[in-house]
């Protein structure tokens, strides 16, 4: 669950930076030590537009969050966050990003994605 929260907060933060004309590189630098390498690598994916280098494609992460959401429902744990997150991953898969890096989820969170709704 930790990573799903990190993905959504990181990708949303980058959307804020883009909306405010703050360069992604500047945001990545601001992550500093808390950006433990993985977050910075995801920022680099988004900045470069290269979503192809992956050992764990978006579809793998989508399957994981589906299982977490189902588990929450089965155990009567509030499932709103995993269900919301799962829906975003499903949207990214429907958009054709299933074999791309998880950072491709960023593409369905942007302004262009809202125009398509």
PDB file of N, CA and C in Angstrom:
ATOM      1  N   UNK A   1       0.823  -1.197   0.000  1.00  0.00           N
ATOM      2  CA  UNK A   1       0.000   0.000   0.000  1.00  0.00           C
ATOM      3  C   UNK A   1       0.863   1.255   0.000  1.00  0.00           C
ATOM      4  N   UNK A   2       1.994   1.180   0.683  1.00  0.00           N
ATOM      5  CA  UNK A   2       2.878   2.340   0.761  1.00  0.00           C
ATOM      6  C   UNK A   2       3.202   2.881  -0.632  1.00  0.00           C
ATOM      7  N   UNK A   3       3.554   1.998  -1.544  1.00  0.00           N
ATOM      8  CA  UNK A   3       3.956   2.446  -2.876  1.00  0.00           C
ATOM      9  C   UNK A   3       2.804   3.073  -3.651  1.00  0.00           C
ATOM     10  N   UNK A   4       1.610   2.558  -3.495  1.00  0.00           N
ATOM     11  CA  UNK A   4       0.475   3.140  -4.216  1.00  0.00           C
ATOM     12  C   UNK A   4       0.214   4.573  -3.745  1.00  0.00           C
ATOM     13  N   UNK A   5       0.311   4.801  -2.442  1.00  0.00           N
ATOM     14  CA  UNK A   5       0.175   6.158  -1.931  1.00  0.00           C
ATOM     15  C   UNK A   5       1.291   7.061  -2.423  1.00  0.00           C
ATOM     16  N   UNK A   6       2.506   6.514  -2.456  1.00  0.00           N
ATOM     17  CA  UNK A   6       3.647   7.289  -2.947  1.00  0.00           C
ATOM     18  C   UNK A   6       3.461   7.639  -4.412  1.00  0.00           C
ATOM     19  N   UNK A   7       3.018   6.648  -5.229  1.00  0.00           N
ATOM     20  CA  UNK A   7       2.817   6.914  -6.649  1.00  0.00           C
ATOM     21  C   UNK A   7       1.837   8.062  -6.847  1.00  0.00           C
ATOM     22  N   UNK A   8       0.681   7.973  -6.191  1.00  0.00           N
ATOM     23  CA  UNK A   8      -0.339   9.006  -6.400  1.00  0.00           C
ATOM     24  C   UNK A   8       0.123  10.361  -5.903  1.00  0.00           C
ATOM     25  N   UNK A   9       0.781  10.408  -4.747  1.00  0.00           N
ATOM     26  CA  UNK A   9       1.237  11.710  -4.247  1.00  0.00           C
ATOM     27  C   UNK A   9       2.351  12.278  -5.115  1.00  0.00           C
ATOM     28  N   UNK A  10       3.275  11.435  -5.555  1.00  0.00           N
ATOM     29  CA  UNK A  10       4.363  11.899  -6.406  1.00  0.00           C
ATOM     30  C   UNK A  10       3.835  12.411  -7.739  1.00  0.00           C
ATOM     31  N   UNK A  11       2.987  11.626  -8.389  1.00  0.00           N
ATOM     32  CA  UNK A  11       2.496  12.007  -9.710  1.00  0.00           C
ATOM     33  C   UNK A  11       1.597  13.244  -9.630  1.00  0.00           C
ATOM     34  N   UNK A  12       0.824  13.348  -8.559  1.00  0.00           N
ATOM     35  CA  UNK A  12       0.002  14.548  -8.383  1.00  0.00           C
ATOM     36  C   UNK A  12       0.889  15.765  -8.111  1.00  0.00           C
ATOM     37  N   UNK A  13       1.929  15.583  -7.333  1.00  0.00           N
ATOM     38  CA  UNK A  13       2.863  16.682  -7.058  1.00  0.00           C
ATOM     39  C   UNK A  13       3.508  17.182  -8.343  1.00  0.00           C
ATOM     40  N   UNK A  14       3.861  16.255  -9.227  1.00  0.00           N
ATOM     41  CA  UNK A  14       4.452  16.663 -10.501  1.00  0.00           C
ATOM     42  C   UNK A  14       3.426  17.414 -11.346  1.00  0.00           C
ATOM     43  N   UNK A  15       2.169  16.991 -11.296  1.00  0.00           N
ATOM     44  CA  UNK A  15       1.117  17.728 -12.017  1.00  0.00           C
ATOM     45  C   UNK A  15       1.012  19.164 -11.478  1.00  0.00           C
ATOM     46  N   UNK A  16       1.106  19.323 -10.174  1.00  0.00           N
ATOM     47  CA  UNK A  16       1.079  20.668  -9.577  1.00  0.00           C
ATOM     48  C   UNK A  16       2.262  21.479 -10.086  1.00  0.00           C
ATOM     49  N   UNK A  17       3.441  20.874 -10.093  1.00  0.00           N
ATOM     50  CA  UNK A  17       4.629  21.576 -10.587  1.00  0.00           C
ATOM     51  C   UNK A  17       4.434  22.031 -12.026  1.00  0.00           C
ATOM     52  N   UNK A  18       3.919  21.147 -12.870  1.00  0.00           N
ATOM     53  CA  UNK A  18       3.702  21.515 -14.271  1.00  0.00           C
ATOM     54  C   UNK A  18       2.678  22.639 -14.401  1.00  0.00           C
ATOM     55  N   UNK A  19       1.629  22.590 -13.591  1.00  0.00           N
ATOM     56  CA  UNK A  19       0.611  23.640 -13.627  1.00  0.00           C
ATOM     57  C   UNK A  19       1.174  24.990 -13.195  1.00  0.00           C
ATOM     58  N   UNK A  20       2.188  24.955 -12.320  1.00  0.00           N
ATOM     59  CA  UNK A  20       2.785  26.181 -11.793  1.00  0.00           C
ATOM     60  C   UNK A  20       4.113  26.521 -12.477  1.00  0.00           C
ATOM     61  N   UNK A  21       4.411  25.840 -13.576  1.00  0.00           N
ATOM     62  CA  UNK A  21       5.642  26.073 -14.340  1.00  0.00           C
ATOM     63  C   UNK A  21       6.913  25.861 -13.520  1.00  0.00           C
ATOM     64  N   UNK A  22       6.874  24.872 -12.628  1.00  0.00           N
ATOM     65  CA  UNK A  22       8.062  24.482 -11.872  1.00  0.00           C
ATOM     66  C   UNK A  22       8.659  23.277 -12.594  1.00  0.00           C
ATOM     67  N   UNK A  23       9.904  23.355 -13.026  1.00  0.00           N
ATOM     68  CA  UNK A  23      10.515  22.238 -13.753  1.00  0.00           C
ATOM     69  C   UNK A  23      10.544  20.947 -12.924  1.00  0.00           C
ATOM     70  N   UNK A  24      10.312  19.833 -13.579  1.00  0.00           N
ATOM     71  CA  UNK A  24      10.342  18.535 -12.895  1.00  0.00           C
ATOM     72  C   UNK A  24      11.703  18.309 -12.244  1.00  0.00           C
ATOM     73  N   UNK A  25      12.788  18.735 -12.914  1.00  0.00           N
ATOM     74  CA  UNK A  25      14.123  18.541 -12.341  1.00  0.00           C
ATOM     75  C   UNK A  25      14.249  19.275 -11.005  1.00  0.00           C
ATOM     76  N   UNK A  26      13.642  20.459 -10.915  1.00  0.00           N
ATOM     77  CA  UNK A  26      13.705  21.221  -9.665  1.00  0.00           C
ATOM     78  C   UNK A  26      12.949  20.478  -8.571  1.00  0.00           C
ATOM     79  N   UNK A  27      11.787  19.942  -8.910  1.00  0.00           N
ATOM     80  CA  UNK A  27      11.021  19.167  -7.934  1.00  0.00           C
ATOM     81  C   UNK A  27      11.805  17.930  -7.496  1.00  0.00           C
ATOM     82  N   UNK A  28      12.400  17.242  -8.460  1.00  0.00           N
ATOM     83  CA  UNK A  28      13.180  16.041  -8.159  1.00  0.00           C
ATOM     84  C   UNK A  28      14.326  16.373  -7.211  1.00  0.00           C
ATOM     85  N   UNK A  29      14.978  17.500  -7.432  1.00  0.00           N
ATOM     86  CA  UNK A  29      16.062  17.942  -6.550  1.00  0.00           C
ATOM     87  C   UNK A  29      15.529  18.237  -5.154  1.00  0.00           C
ATOM     88  N   UNK A  30      14.343  18.838  -5.088  1.00  0.00           N
ATOM     89  CA  UNK A  30      13.742  19.169  -3.789  1.00  0.00           C
ATOM     90  C   UNK A  30      13.394  17.920  -2.984  1.00  0.00           C
ATOM     91  N   UNK A  31      13.192  16.793  -3.667  1.00  0.00           N
ATOM     92  CA  UNK A  31      12.906  15.554  -2.941  1.00  0.00           C
ATOM     93  C   UNK A  31      14.057  15.181  -2.018  1.00  0.00           C
ATOM     94  N   UNK A  32      15.280  15.563  -2.428  1.00  0.00           N
ATOM     95  CA  UNK A  32      16.461  15.322  -1.601  1.00  0.00           C
ATOM     96  C   UNK A  32      16.562  13.887  -1.134  1.00  0.00           C
ATOM     97  N   UNK A  33      16.915  13.707   0.101  1.00  0.00           N
ATOM     98  CA  UNK A  33      17.104  12.377   0.670  1.00  0.00           C
ATOM     99  C   UNK A  33      15.810  11.572   0.708  1.00  0.00           C
ATOM    100  N   UNK A  34      14.682  12.246   0.892  1.00  0.00           N
ATOM    101  CA  UNK A  34      13.428  11.505   0.955  1.00  0.00           C
ATOM    102  C   UNK A  34      13.097  10.877  -0.388  1.00  0.00           C
ATOM    103  N   UNK A  35      13.710  11.370  -1.443  1.00  0.00           N
ATOM    104  CA  UNK A  35      13.466  10.836  -2.769  1.00  0.00           C
ATOM    105  C   UNK A  35      14.227   9.566  -3.063  1.00  0.00           C
ATOM    106  N   UNK A  36      14.677   8.862  -2.126  1.00  0.00           N
ATOM    107  CA  UNK A  36      15.455   7.620  -2.094  1.00  0.00           C
ATOM    108  C   UNK A  36      15.818   6.945  -3.416  1.00  0.00           C
ATOM    109  N   UNK A  37      15.940   7.665  -4.462  1.00  0.00           N
ATOM    110  CA  UNK A  37      16.359   7.073  -5.731  1.00  0.00           C
ATOM    111  C   UNK A  37      15.194   6.633  -6.602  1.00  0.00           C
ATOM    112  N   UNK A  38      14.271   5.870  -6.038  1.00  0.00           N
ATOM    113  CA  UNK A  38      13.146   5.365  -6.828  1.00  0.00           C
ATOM    114  C   UNK A  38      12.238   6.511  -7.273  1.00  0.00           C
ATOM    115  N   UNK A  39      11.903   7.404  -6.338  1.00  0.00           N
ATOM    116  CA  UNK A  39      11.058   8.541  -6.682  1.00  0.00           C
ATOM    117  C   UNK A  39      11.730   9.431  -7.727  1.00  0.00           C
ATOM    118  N   UNK A  40      13.029   9.638  -7.564  1.00  0.00           N
ATOM    119  CA  UNK A  40      13.761  10.445  -8.550  1.00  0.00           C
ATOM    120  C   UNK A  40      13.769   9.756  -9.912  1.00  0.00           C
ATOM    121  N   UNK A  41      13.909   8.435  -9.923  1.00  0.00           N
ATOM    122  CA  UNK A  41      13.884   7.680 -11.174  1.00  0.00           C
ATOM    123  C   UNK A  41      12.516   7.819 -11.854  1.00  0.00           C
ATOM    124  N   UNK A  42      11.445   7.765 -11.070  1.00  0.00           N
ATOM    125  CA  UNK A  42      10.102   7.947 -11.629  1.00  0.00           C
ATOM    126  C   UNK A  42       9.947   9.362 -12.205  1.00  0.00           C
ATOM    127  N   UNK A  43      10.475  10.360 -11.492  1.00  0.00           N
ATOM    128  CA  UNK A  43      10.461  11.737 -12.008  1.00  0.00           C
ATOM    129  C   UNK A  43      11.204  11.816 -13.337  1.00  0.00           C
ATOM    130  N   UNK A  44      12.333  11.151 -13.412  1.00  0.00           N
ATOM    131  CA  UNK A  44      13.116  11.138 -14.653  1.00  0.00           C
ATOM    132  C   UNK A  44      12.336  10.487 -15.789  1.00  0.00           C
ATOM    133  N   UNK A  45      11.608   9.400 -15.494  1.00  0.00           N
ATOM    134  CA  UNK A  45      10.761   8.761 -16.511  1.00  0.00           C
ATOM    135  C   UNK A  45       9.776   9.768 -17.086  1.00  0.00           C
ATOM    136  N   UNK A  46       9.117  10.469 -16.193  1.00  0.00           N
ATOM    137  CA  UNK A  46       8.085  11.421 -16.609  1.00  0.00           C
ATOM    138  C   UNK A  46       8.716  12.572 -17.384  1.00  0.00           C
ATOM    139  N   UNK A  47       9.828  13.091 -16.873  1.00  0.00           N
ATOM    140  CA  UNK A  47      10.505  14.203 -17.537  1.00  0.00           C
ATOM    141  C   UNK A  47      10.955  13.817 -18.946  1.00  0.00           C
ATOM    142  N   UNK A  48      11.505  12.626 -19.084  1.00  0.00           N
ATOM    143  CA  UNK A  48      12.017  12.189 -20.389  1.00  0.00           C
ATOM    144  C   UNK A  48      10.920  11.650 -21.301  1.00  0.00           C
ATOM    145  N   UNK A  49       9.791  11.269 -20.701  1.00  0.00           N
ATOM    146  CA  UNK A  49       8.732  10.642 -21.491  1.00  0.00           C
ATOM    147  C   UNK A  49       9.039   9.184 -21.825  1.00  0.00           C
ATOM    148  N   UNK A  50      10.062   8.630 -21.175  1.00  0.00           N
ATOM    149  CA  UNK A  50      10.447   7.238 -21.408  1.00  0.00           C
ATOM    150  C   UNK A  50       9.800   6.352 -20.351  1.00  0.00           C
ATOM    151  N   UNK A  51       8.774   5.637 -20.754  1.00  0.00           N
ATOM    152  CA  UNK A  51       8.055   4.753 -19.848  1.00  0.00           C
ATOM    153  C   UNK A  51       8.325   3.288 -20.181  1.00  0.00           C
ATOM    154  N   UNK A  52       9.315   3.040 -21.028  1.00  0.00           N
ATOM    155  CA  UNK A  52       9.567   1.690 -21.534  1.00  0.00           C
ATOM    156  C   UNK A  52      10.492   0.856 -20.654  1.00  0.00           C
ATOM    157  N   UNK A  53      11.397   1.476 -19.930  1.00  0.00           N
ATOM    158  CA  UNK A  53      12.348   0.729 -19.105  1.00  0.00           C
ATOM    159  C   UNK A  53      11.665   0.284 -17.819  1.00  0.00           C
ATOM    160  N   UNK A  54      11.322  -0.989 -17.765  1.00  0.00           N
ATOM    161  CA  UNK A  54      10.602  -1.456 -16.594  1.00  0.00           C
ATOM    162  C   UNK A  54      10.912  -2.910 -16.281  1.00  0.00           C
ATOM    163  N   UNK A  55      10.923  -3.221 -15.016  1.00  0.00           N
ATOM    164  CA  UNK A  55      10.991  -4.607 -14.575  1.00  0.00           C
ATOM    165  C   UNK A  55       9.659  -4.997 -13.940  1.00  0.00           C
ATOM    166  N   UNK A  56       8.814  -4.001 -13.697  1.00  0.00           N
ATOM    167  CA  UNK A  56       7.494  -4.228 -13.106  1.00  0.00           C
ATOM    168  C   UNK A  56       6.499  -3.304 -13.812  1.00  0.00           C
ATOM    169  N   UNK A  57       5.900  -3.774 -14.908  1.00  0.00           N
ATOM    170  CA  UNK A  57       5.000  -2.917 -15.674  1.00  0.00           C
ATOM    171  C   UNK A  57       3.738  -2.530 -14.905  1.00  0.00           C
ATOM    172  N   UNK A  58       3.095  -1.509 -15.403  1.00  0.00           N
ATOM    173  CA  UNK A  58       1.889  -0.984 -14.786  1.00  0.00           C
ATOM    174  C   UNK A  58       0.863  -2.090 -14.544  1.00  0.00           C
ATOM    175  N   UNK A  59       0.725  -3.038 -15.456  1.00  0.00           N
ATOM    176  CA  UNK A  59      -0.263  -4.101 -15.294  1.00  0.00           C
ATOM    177  C   UNK A  59       0.015  -4.953 -14.048  1.00  0.00           C
ATOM    178  N   UNK A  60       1.268  -5.114 -13.692  1.00  0.00           N
ATOM    179  CA  UNK A  60       1.613  -5.850 -12.481  1.00  0.00           C
ATOM    180  C   UNK A  60       1.104  -5.111 -11.247  1.00  0.00           C
ATOM    181  N   UNK A  61       1.373  -3.802 -11.226  1.00  0.00           N
ATOM    182  CA  UNK A  61       0.903  -2.976 -10.111  1.00  0.00           C
ATOM    183  C   UNK A  61      -0.626  -2.932 -10.068  1.00  0.00           C
ATOM    184  N   UNK A  62      -1.267  -2.910 -11.238  1.00  0.00           N
ATOM    185  CA  UNK A  62      -2.741  -2.889 -11.300  1.00  0.00           C
ATOM    186  C   UNK A  62      -3.322  -4.148 -10.667  1.00  0.00           C
ATOM    187  N   UNK A  63      -2.706  -5.289 -10.964  1.00  0.00           N
ATOM    188  CA  UNK A  63      -3.167  -6.537 -10.355  1.00  0.00           C
ATOM    189  C   UNK A  63      -3.026  -6.527  -8.851  1.00  0.00           C
ATOM    190  N   UNK A  64      -1.926  -5.951  -8.375  1.00  0.00           N
ATOM    191  CA  UNK A  64      -1.706  -5.864  -6.933  1.00  0.00           C
ATOM    192  C   UNK A  64      -2.754  -5.026  -6.229  1.00  0.00           C
ATOM    193  N   UNK A  65      -3.061  -3.864  -6.788  1.00  0.00           N
ATOM    194  CA  UNK A  65      -4.030  -2.983  -6.115  1.00  0.00           C
ATOM    195  C   UNK A  65      -5.438  -3.563  -6.207  1.00  0.00           C
ATOM    196  N   UNK A  66      -5.734  -4.314  -7.249  1.00  0.00           N
ATOM    197  CA  UNK A  66      -7.039  -4.992  -7.322  1.00  0.00           C
ATOM    198  C   UNK A  66      -7.174  -5.995  -6.176  1.00  0.00           C
ATOM    199  N   UNK A  67      -6.109  -6.733  -5.928  1.00  0.00           N
ATOM    200  CA  UNK A  67      -6.134  -7.721  -4.833  1.00  0.00           C
ATOM    201  C   UNK A  67      -6.257  -7.036  -3.472  1.00  0.00           C
ATOM    202  N   UNK A  68      -5.540  -5.921  -3.320  1.00  0.00           N
ATOM    203  CA  UNK A  68      -5.620  -5.175  -2.056  1.00  0.00           C
ATOM    204  C   UNK A  68      -7.032  -4.646  -1.840  1.00  0.00           C
ATOM    205  N   UNK A  69      -7.649  -4.113  -2.885  1.00  0.00           N
ATOM    206  CA  UNK A  69      -9.016  -3.594  -2.773  1.00  0.00           C
ATOM    207  C   UNK A  69      -9.985  -4.723  -2.414  1.00  0.00           C
ATOM    208  N   UNK A  70      -9.826  -5.866  -3.050  1.00  0.00           N
ATOM    209  CA  UNK A  70     -10.700  -7.007  -2.750  1.00  0.00           C
ATOM    210  C   UNK A  70     -10.500  -7.481  -1.315  1.00  0.00           C
ATOM    211  N   UNK A  71      -9.246  -7.527  -0.881  1.00  0.00           N
ATOM    212  CA  UNK A  71      -8.946  -7.922   0.494  1.00  0.00           C
ATOM    213  C   UNK A  71      -9.616  -6.972   1.488  1.00  0.00           C
ATOM    214  N   UNK A  72      -9.517  -5.683   1.226  1.00  0.00           N
ATOM    215  CA  UNK A  72     -10.134  -4.697   2.120  1.00  0.00           C
ATOM    216  C   UNK A  72     -11.640  -4.935   2.214  1.00  0.00           C
ATOM    217  N   UNK A  73     -12.266  -5.150   1.078  1.00  0.00           N
ATOM    218  CA  UNK A  73     -13.711  -5.410   1.081  1.00  0.00           C
ATOM    219  C   UNK A  73     -14.035  -6.693   1.845  1.00  0.00           C
ATOM    220  N   UNK A  74     -13.271  -7.742   1.580  1.00  0.00           N
ATOM    221  CA  UNK A  74     -13.502  -9.032   2.235  1.00  0.00           C
ATOM    222  C   UNK A  74     -13.340  -8.943   3.746  1.00  0.00           C
ATOM    223  N   UNK A  75     -12.409  -8.113   4.199  1.00  0.00           N
ATOM    224  CA  UNK A  75     -12.116  -7.981   5.636  1.00  0.00           C
ATOM    225  C   UNK A  75     -12.879  -6.837   6.284  1.00  0.00           C
ATOM    226  N   UNK A  76     -13.742  -6.209   5.518  1.00  0.00           N
ATOM    227  CA  UNK A  76     -14.529  -5.063   5.994  1.00  0.00           C
ATOM    228  C   UNK A  76     -13.649  -3.915   6.489  1.00  0.00           C
ATOM    229  N   UNK A  77     -12.549  -3.697   5.736  1.00  0.00           N
ATOM    230  CA  UNK A  77     -11.684  -2.535   5.943  1.00  0.00           C
ATOM    231  C   UNK A  77     -12.150  -1.488   4.933  1.00  0.00           C
ATOM    232  N   UNK A  78     -12.125  -0.228   5.312  1.00  0.00           N
ATOM    233  CA  UNK A  78     -12.528   0.813   4.373  1.00  0.00           C
ATOM    234  C   UNK A  78     -11.709   0.666   3.091  1.00  0.00           C
ATOM    235  N   UNK A  79     -12.397   0.488   1.983  1.00  0.00           N
ATOM    236  CA  UNK A  79     -11.746   0.197   0.707  1.00  0.00           C
ATOM    237  C   UNK A  79     -11.730   1.390  -0.241  1.00  0.00           C
ATOM    238  N   UNK A  80     -12.106   2.582   0.224  1.00  0.00           N
ATOM    239  CA  UNK A  80     -12.195   3.722  -0.685  1.00  0.00           C
ATOM    240  C   UNK A  80     -10.870   4.042  -1.378  1.00  0.00           C
ATOM    241  N   UNK A  81      -9.784   4.103  -0.626  1.00  0.00           N
ATOM    242  CA  UNK A  81      -8.506   4.438  -1.244  1.00  0.00           C
ATOM    243  C   UNK A  81      -8.053   3.361  -2.226  1.00  0.00           C
ATOM    244  N   UNK A  82      -8.033   2.076  -1.842  1.00  0.00           N
ATOM    245  CA  UNK A  82      -7.612   1.086  -2.833  1.00  0.00           C
ATOM    246  C   UNK A  82      -8.557   0.999  -4.040  1.00  0.00           C
ATOM    247  N   UNK A  83      -9.846   1.223  -3.841  1.00  0.00           N
ATOM    248  CA  UNK A  83     -10.779   1.197  -4.974  1.00  0.00           C
ATOM    249  C   UNK A  83     -10.523   2.374  -5.913  1.00  0.00           C
ATOM    250  N   UNK A  84     -10.303   3.553  -5.350  1.00  0.00           N
ATOM    251  CA  UNK A  84      -9.990   4.735  -6.148  1.00  0.00           C
ATOM    252  C   UNK A  84      -8.703   4.513  -6.939  1.00  0.00           C
ATOM    253  N   UNK A  85      -7.684   4.019  -6.246  1.00  0.00           N
ATOM    254  CA  UNK A  85      -6.398   3.773  -6.878  1.00  0.00           C
ATOM    255  C   UNK A  85      -6.518   2.713  -7.968  1.00  0.00           C
ATOM    256  N   UNK A  86      -7.245   1.662  -7.686  1.00  0.00           N
ATOM    257  CA  UNK A  86      -7.451   0.602  -8.669  1.00  0.00           C
ATOM    258  C   UNK A  86      -8.135   1.145  -9.920  1.00  0.00           C
ATOM    259  N   UNK A  87      -9.110   2.031  -9.728  1.00  0.00           N
ATOM    260  CA  UNK A  87      -9.806   2.624 -10.877  1.00  0.00           C
ATOM    261  C   UNK A  87      -8.848   3.444 -11.745  1.00  0.00           C
ATOM    262  N   UNK A  88      -7.911   4.153 -11.131  1.00  0.00           N
ATOM    263  CA  UNK A  88      -6.922   4.913 -11.901  1.00  0.00           C
ATOM    264  C   UNK A  88      -6.011   3.977 -12.696  1.00  0.00           C
ATOM    265  N   UNK A  89      -5.598   2.892 -12.066  1.00  0.00           N
ATOM    266  CA  UNK A  89      -4.761   1.921 -12.771  1.00  0.00           C
ATOM    267  C   UNK A  89      -5.530   1.281 -13.926  1.00  0.00           C
ATOM    268  N   UNK A  90      -6.795   0.992 -13.713  1.00  0.00           N
ATOM    269  CA  UNK A  90      -7.614   0.427 -14.794  1.00  0.00           C
ATOM    270  C   UNK A  90      -7.743   1.419 -15.950  1.00  0.00           C
ATOM    271  N   UNK A  91      -7.888   2.691 -15.616  1.00  0.00           N
ATOM    272  CA  UNK A  91      -7.973   3.728 -16.642  1.00  0.00           C
ATOM    273  C   UNK A  91      -6.678   3.774 -17.461  1.00  0.00           C
ATOM    274  N   UNK A  92      -5.550   3.669 -16.787  1.00  0.00           N
ATOM    275  CA  UNK A  92      -4.259   3.675 -17.484  1.00  0.00           C
ATOM    276  C   UNK A  92      -4.111   2.435 -18.366  1.00  0.00           C
ATOM    277  N   UNK A  93      -4.571   1.304 -17.883  1.00  0.00           N
ATOM    278  CA  UNK A  93      -4.495   0.088 -18.699  1.00  0.00           C
ATOM    279  C   UNK A  93      -5.408   0.203 -19.912  1.00  0.00           C
ATOM    280  N   UNK A  94      -6.600   0.748 -19.721  1.00  0.00           N
ATOM    281  CA  UNK A  94      -7.529   0.931 -20.845  1.00  0.00           C
ATOM    282  C   UNK A  94      -6.958   1.890 -21.884  1.00  0.00           C
ATOM    283  N   UNK A  95      -6.111   2.809 -21.433  1.00  0.00           N
ATOM    284  CA  UNK A  95      -5.472   3.773 -22.340  1.00  0.00           C
ATOM    285  C   UNK A  95      -4.290   3.162 -23.081  1.00  0.00           C
ATOM    286  N   UNK A  96      -3.971   1.905 -22.768  1.00  0.00           N
ATOM    287  CA  UNK A  96      -2.902   1.222 -23.487  1.00  0.00           C
ATOM    288  C   UNK A  96      -1.539   1.258 -22.822  1.00  0.00           C
ATOM    289  N   UNK A  97      -1.473   1.585 -21.537  1.00  0.00           N
ATOM    290  CA  UNK A  97      -0.193   1.727 -20.851  1.00  0.00           C
ATOM    291  C   UNK A  97       0.198   0.498 -20.033  1.00  0.00           C
ATOM    292  N   UNK A  98      -0.487  -0.604 -20.185  1.00  0.00           N
ATOM    293  CA  UNK A  98      -0.294  -1.758 -19.304  1.00  0.00           C
ATOM    294  C   UNK A  98       1.137  -2.294 -19.285  1.00  0.00           C
ATOM    295  N   UNK A  99       1.849  -2.260 -20.392  1.00  0.00           N
ATOM    296  CA  UNK A  99       3.214  -2.802 -20.457  1.00  0.00           C
ATOM    297  C   UNK A  99       4.277  -1.732 -20.197  1.00  0.00           C
ATOM    298  N   UNK A 100       3.856  -0.523 -19.871  1.00  0.00           N
ATOM    299  CA  UNK A 100       4.804   0.556 -19.588  1.00  0.00           C
ATOM    300  C   UNK A 100       5.116   0.607 -18.095  1.00  0.00           C
ATOM    301  N   UNK A 101       6.128   1.402 -17.762  1.00  0.00           N
ATOM    302  CA  UNK A 101       6.517   1.607 -16.373  1.00  0.00           C
ATOM    303  C   UNK A 101       5.333   2.197 -15.601  1.00  0.00           C
ATOM    304  N   UNK A 102       5.287   1.931 -14.305  1.00  0.00           N
ATOM    305  CA  UNK A 102       4.190   2.420 -13.467  1.00  0.00           C
ATOM    306  C   UNK A 102       4.055   3.947 -13.552  1.00  0.00           C
ATOM    307  N   UNK A 103       5.152   4.638 -13.855  1.00  0.00           N
ATOM    308  CA  UNK A 103       5.084   6.098 -13.985  1.00  0.00           C
ATOM    309  C   UNK A 103       4.153   6.525 -15.115  1.00  0.00           C
ATOM    310  N   UNK A 104       3.782   5.611 -16.026  1.00  0.00           N
ATOM    311  CA  UNK A 104       2.824   5.940 -17.080  1.00  0.00           C
ATOM    312  C   UNK A 104       1.449   6.270 -16.510  1.00  0.00           C
ATOM    313  N   UNK A 105       1.198   5.890 -15.264  1.00  0.00           N
ATOM    314  CA  UNK A 105      -0.046   6.279 -14.593  1.00  0.00           C
ATOM    315  C   UNK A 105      -0.192   7.801 -14.601  1.00  0.00           C
ATOM    316  N   UNK A 106       0.933   8.493 -14.555  1.00  0.00           N
ATOM    317  CA  UNK A 106       0.974   9.953 -14.594  1.00  0.00           C
ATOM    318  C   UNK A 106       0.167  10.492 -15.778  1.00  0.00           C
ATOM    319  N   UNK A 107       0.190   9.774 -16.895  1.00  0.00           N
ATOM    320  CA  UNK A 107      -0.470  10.248 -18.118  1.00  0.00           C
ATOM    321  C   UNK A 107      -1.978  10.392 -17.957  1.00  0.00           C
ATOM    322  N   UNK A 108      -2.600   9.605 -17.099  1.00  0.00           N
ATOM    323  CA  UNK A 108      -4.055   9.716 -16.937  1.00  0.00           C
ATOM    324  C   UNK A 108      -4.440  10.725 -15.863  1.00  0.00           C
ATOM    325  N   UNK A 109      -3.456  11.324 -15.229  1.00  0.00           N
ATOM    326  CA  UNK A 109      -3.728  12.322 -14.192  1.00  0.00           C
ATOM    327  C   UNK A 109      -3.604  13.753 -14.696  1.00  0.00           C
ATOM    328  N   UNK A 110      -3.172  13.927 -15.922  1.00  0.00           N
ATOM    329  CA  UNK A 110      -2.884  15.246 -16.442  1.00  0.00           C
ATOM    330  C   UNK A 110      -4.089  15.974 -17.036  1.00  0.00           C
ATOM    331  N   UNK A 111      -3.848  17.209 -17.420  1.00  0.00           N
ATOM    332  CA  UNK A 111      -4.865  18.054 -18.004  1.00  0.00           C
ATOM    333  C   UNK A 111      -5.470  17.432 -19.246  1.00  0.00           C
ATOM    334  N   UNK A 112      -4.639  16.848 -20.104  1.00  0.00           N
ATOM    335  CA  UNK A 112      -5.139  16.232 -21.322  1.00  0.00           C
ATOM    336  C   UNK A 112      -6.101  15.104 -21.002  1.00  0.00           C
ATOM    337  N   UNK A 113      -5.832  14.352 -19.928  1.00  0.00           N
ATOM    338  CA  UNK A 113      -6.714  13.257 -19.544  1.00  0.00           C
ATOM    339  C   UNK A 113      -8.074  13.794 -19.134  1.00  0.00           C
ATOM    340  N   UNK A 114      -8.106  14.937 -18.449  1.00  0.00           N
ATOM    341  CA  UNK A 114      -9.390  15.507 -18.019  1.00  0.00           C
ATOM    342  C   UNK A 114     -10.200  15.998 -19.212  1.00  0.00           C
ATOM    343  N   UNK A 115      -9.538  16.462 -20.262  1.00  0.00           N
ATOM    344  CA  UNK A 115     -10.243  16.921 -21.448  1.00  0.00           C
ATOM    345  C   UNK A 115     -10.969  15.787 -22.149  1.00  0.00           C
ATOM    346  N   UNK A 116     -10.426  14.574 -22.019  1.00  0.00           N
ATOM    347  CA  UNK A 116     -11.009  13.408 -22.679  1.00  0.00           C
ATOM    348  C   UNK A 116     -12.247  12.876 -21.944  1.00  0.00           C
ATOM    349  N   UNK A 117     -12.465  13.303 -20.727  1.00  0.00           N
ATOM    350  CA  UNK A 117     -13.590  12.782 -19.947  1.00  0.00           C
ATOM    351  C   UNK A 117     -14.901  13.383 -20.376  1.00  0.00           C
TER     352      UNK A 117
END
